Amino acid sequence: MMNVRPVVIWIVCITISLSGCHTMRPVALSSGPPLSAKVAPGDRARVWLHDGRRLDLRVTAVEADALVSGEQRIPLGDIERIEIRDFSWTRTTLLLVGIGVTLFLISHINPYSL
């Protein structure tokens, strides 16, 4: 009969690891291509305003002079800094390899030999 415990451990570890696969990437506001080339509708963004507020939002549109999230329109002149949520292949790979090695070691330890 198959032991269900390792399968449950794998499922829990993979589920937890998926949240660690993302990173926040800063977006340069002053140089390079326009904001519409760096931020796209559907992106999750963290926006810091000059008045000290921080907004976590999903971008619905990028205009020449503003960032739009739903009914909220944020003029670019009010924005101090923007970070976009991005998928990190390096962090994901390292995390999955670490989980795999740990589970391999756990599944091969004989509790009666300790």
C-alpha atoms as a PDB file:
ATOM      1  CA  MET A   1       0.000   0.000   0.000  1.00  0.00           C
ATOM      2  CA  MET A   2       1.290   3.460  -0.875  1.00  0.00           C
ATOM      3  CA  ASN A   3       2.273   5.789   1.942  1.00  0.00           C
ATOM      4  CA  VAL A   4       0.230   8.990   1.499  1.00  0.00           C
ATOM      5  CA  ARG A   5       2.416  11.112   3.790  1.00  0.00           C
ATOM      6  CA  PRO A   6       5.222  11.863   1.244  1.00  0.00           C
ATOM      7  CA  VAL A   7       2.628  12.844  -1.378  1.00  0.00           C
ATOM      8  CA  VAL A   8       0.950  15.260   1.043  1.00  0.00           C
ATOM      9  CA  ILE A   9       4.350  16.719   1.996  1.00  0.00           C
ATOM     10  CA  TRP A  10       5.193  17.243  -1.703  1.00  0.00           C
ATOM     11  CA  ILE A  11       1.875  18.996  -2.359  1.00  0.00           C
ATOM     12  CA  VAL A  12       2.249  21.292   0.658  1.00  0.00           C
ATOM     13  CA  CYS A  13       5.861  22.175  -0.205  1.00  0.00           C
ATOM     14  CA  ILE A  14       5.105  22.942  -3.843  1.00  0.00           C
ATOM     15  CA  THR A  15       2.094  25.065  -2.898  1.00  0.00           C
ATOM     16  CA  ILE A  16       4.163  27.068  -0.407  1.00  0.00           C
ATOM     17  CA  SER A  17       7.038  27.432  -2.859  1.00  0.00           C
ATOM     18  CA  LEU A  18       4.860  28.975  -5.562  1.00  0.00           C
ATOM     19  CA  SER A  19       4.404  32.095  -3.461  1.00  0.00           C
ATOM     20  CA  GLY A  20       8.184  32.454  -3.219  1.00  0.00           C
ATOM     21  CA  CYS A  21       8.648  32.428  -6.981  1.00  0.00           C
ATOM     22  CA  HIS A  22       7.848  36.099  -7.428  1.00  0.00           C
ATOM     23  CA  THR A  23       9.920  39.175  -6.873  1.00  0.00           C
ATOM     24  CA  MET A  24       9.278  42.892  -7.120  1.00  0.00           C
ATOM     25  CA  ARG A  25      11.241  44.506  -9.977  1.00  0.00           C
ATOM     26  CA  PRO A  26      11.815  48.291  -9.899  1.00  0.00           C
ATOM     27  CA  VAL A  27      10.756  50.265 -12.968  1.00  0.00           C
ATOM     28  CA  ALA A  28      12.835  53.259 -14.073  1.00  0.00           C
ATOM     29  CA  LEU A  29      10.561  56.259 -14.492  1.00  0.00           C
ATOM     30  CA  SER A  30      12.957  58.876 -15.785  1.00  0.00           C
ATOM     31  CA  SER A  31      15.065  57.151 -18.413  1.00  0.00           C
ATOM     32  CA  GLY A  32      14.701  54.876 -21.385  1.00  0.00           C
ATOM     33  CA  PRO A  33      11.523  53.859 -23.162  1.00  0.00           C
ATOM     34  CA  PRO A  34       8.080  55.159 -22.143  1.00  0.00           C
ATOM     35  CA  LEU A  35       6.274  53.650 -19.166  1.00  0.00           C
ATOM     36  CA  SER A  36       3.920  51.754 -21.493  1.00  0.00           C
ATOM     37  CA  ALA A  37       6.926  49.703 -22.669  1.00  0.00           C
ATOM     38  CA  LYS A  38       7.797  48.740 -19.073  1.00  0.00           C
ATOM     39  CA  VAL A  39       4.375  48.290 -17.465  1.00  0.00           C
ATOM     40  CA  ALA A  40       1.475  46.449 -19.084  1.00  0.00           C
ATOM     41  CA  PRO A  41      -2.210  46.025 -18.304  1.00  0.00           C
ATOM     42  CA  GLY A  42      -2.607  43.057 -15.972  1.00  0.00           C
ATOM     43  CA  ASP A  43       0.661  43.693 -14.112  1.00  0.00           C
ATOM     44  CA  ARG A  44       0.585  43.791 -10.334  1.00  0.00           C
ATOM     45  CA  ALA A  45       2.315  46.964  -9.205  1.00  0.00           C
ATOM     46  CA  ARG A  46       3.439  48.577  -5.982  1.00  0.00           C
ATOM     47  CA  VAL A  47       3.384  52.362  -6.384  1.00  0.00           C
ATOM     48  CA  TRP A  48       4.888  54.931  -4.010  1.00  0.00           C
ATOM     49  CA  LEU A  49       3.502  58.452  -4.274  1.00  0.00           C
ATOM     50  CA  HIS A  50       5.313  61.697  -3.433  1.00  0.00           C
ATOM     51  CA  ASP A  51       2.899  62.252  -0.510  1.00  0.00           C
ATOM     52  CA  GLY A  52       4.195  59.060   1.189  1.00  0.00           C
ATOM     53  CA  ARG A  53       1.323  56.718   0.350  1.00  0.00           C
ATOM     54  CA  ARG A  54       1.945  53.251  -1.091  1.00  0.00           C
ATOM     55  CA  LEU A  55      -0.595  51.578  -3.347  1.00  0.00           C
ATOM     56  CA  ASP A  56      -0.750  47.898  -4.287  1.00  0.00           C
ATOM     57  CA  LEU A  57      -2.772  47.554  -7.463  1.00  0.00           C
ATOM     58  CA  ARG A  58      -3.427  45.712 -10.708  1.00  0.00           C
ATOM     59  CA  VAL A  59      -2.744  47.876 -13.736  1.00  0.00           C
ATOM     60  CA  THR A  60      -5.684  48.127 -16.141  1.00  0.00           C
ATOM     61  CA  ALA A  61      -4.158  50.706 -18.518  1.00  0.00           C
ATOM     62  CA  VAL A  62      -1.004  52.742 -19.061  1.00  0.00           C
ATOM     63  CA  GLU A  63      -1.563  56.201 -20.515  1.00  0.00           C
ATOM     64  CA  ALA A  64       1.056  58.686 -21.681  1.00  0.00           C
ATOM     65  CA  ASP A  65       0.685  60.699 -18.474  1.00  0.00           C
ATOM     66  CA  ALA A  66      -0.928  58.283 -15.982  1.00  0.00           C
ATOM     67  CA  LEU A  67      -1.162  54.765 -14.590  1.00  0.00           C
ATOM     68  CA  VAL A  68      -4.722  53.416 -14.369  1.00  0.00           C
ATOM     69  CA  SER A  69      -6.106  50.765 -12.020  1.00  0.00           C
ATOM     70  CA  GLY A  70      -9.843  50.271 -12.368  1.00  0.00           C
ATOM     71  CA  GLU A  71     -11.465  53.655 -11.761  1.00  0.00           C
ATOM     72  CA  GLN A  72      -8.293  55.060 -10.162  1.00  0.00           C
ATOM     73  CA  ARG A  73      -6.073  57.209 -12.384  1.00  0.00           C
ATOM     74  CA  ILE A  74      -2.641  58.078 -10.958  1.00  0.00           C
ATOM     75  CA  PRO A  75      -0.788  60.904 -12.760  1.00  0.00           C
ATOM     76  CA  LEU A  76       2.868  60.074 -13.447  1.00  0.00           C
ATOM     77  CA  GLY A  77       3.872  63.352 -11.783  1.00  0.00           C
ATOM     78  CA  ASP A  78       2.480  62.024  -8.465  1.00  0.00           C
ATOM     79  CA  ILE A  79       4.485  58.782  -8.654  1.00  0.00           C
ATOM     80  CA  GLU A  80       7.840  58.554  -6.904  1.00  0.00           C
ATOM     81  CA  ARG A  81       8.605  54.884  -7.541  1.00  0.00           C
ATOM     82  CA  ILE A  82       7.019  51.810  -9.145  1.00  0.00           C
ATOM     83  CA  GLU A  83       7.781  48.118  -8.682  1.00  0.00           C
ATOM     84  CA  ILE A  84       6.242  45.376 -10.808  1.00  0.00           C
ATOM     85  CA  ARG A  85       5.648  41.823  -9.604  1.00  0.00           C
ATOM     86  CA  ASP A  86       7.753  39.518 -11.747  1.00  0.00           C
ATOM     87  CA  PHE A  87       8.322  35.760 -11.921  1.00  0.00           C
ATOM     88  CA  SER A  88      11.833  34.697 -10.871  1.00  0.00           C
ATOM     89  CA  TRP A  89      13.058  31.513 -12.564  1.00  0.00           C
ATOM     90  CA  THR A  90      16.261  31.480 -10.482  1.00  0.00           C
ATOM     91  CA  ARG A  91      14.479  31.646  -7.136  1.00  0.00           C
ATOM     92  CA  THR A  92      11.909  29.087  -8.288  1.00  0.00           C
ATOM     93  CA  THR A  93      14.547  26.624  -9.471  1.00  0.00           C
ATOM     94  CA  LEU A  94      16.615  26.923  -6.298  1.00  0.00           C
ATOM     95  CA  LEU A  95      13.530  26.554  -4.136  1.00  0.00           C
ATOM     96  CA  LEU A  96      12.296  23.448  -5.963  1.00  0.00           C
ATOM     97  CA  VAL A  97      15.749  21.815  -5.923  1.00  0.00           C
ATOM     98  CA  GLY A  98      16.019  22.511  -2.189  1.00  0.00           C
ATOM     99  CA  ILE A  99      12.578  21.044  -1.531  1.00  0.00           C
ATOM    100  CA  GLY A 100      13.366  18.010  -3.680  1.00  0.00           C
ATOM    101  CA  VAL A 101      16.645  17.305  -1.869  1.00  0.00           C
ATOM    102  CA  THR A 102      15.000  17.774   1.534  1.00  0.00           C
ATOM    103  CA  LEU A 103      12.110  15.460   0.695  1.00  0.00           C
ATOM    104  CA  PHE A 104      14.487  12.876  -0.753  1.00  0.00           C
ATOM    105  CA  LEU A 105      16.523  12.903   2.440  1.00  0.00           C
ATOM    106  CA  ILE A 106      13.428  12.759   4.658  1.00  0.00           C
ATOM    107  CA  SER A 107      11.943   9.862   2.702  1.00  0.00           C
ATOM    108  CA  HIS A 108      15.194   7.862   2.940  1.00  0.00           C
ATOM    109  CA  ILE A 109      15.812   8.296   6.655  1.00  0.00           C
ATOM    110  CA  ASN A 110      14.926   5.224   8.621  1.00  0.00           C
ATOM    111  CA  PRO A 111      13.407   6.466  11.901  1.00  0.00           C
ATOM    112  CA  TYR A 112      14.444   3.227  13.624  1.00  0.00           C
ATOM    113  CA  SER A 113      18.141   3.824  12.913  1.00  0.00           C
ATOM    114  CA  LEU A 114      18.274   7.082  14.880  1.00  0.00           C
END
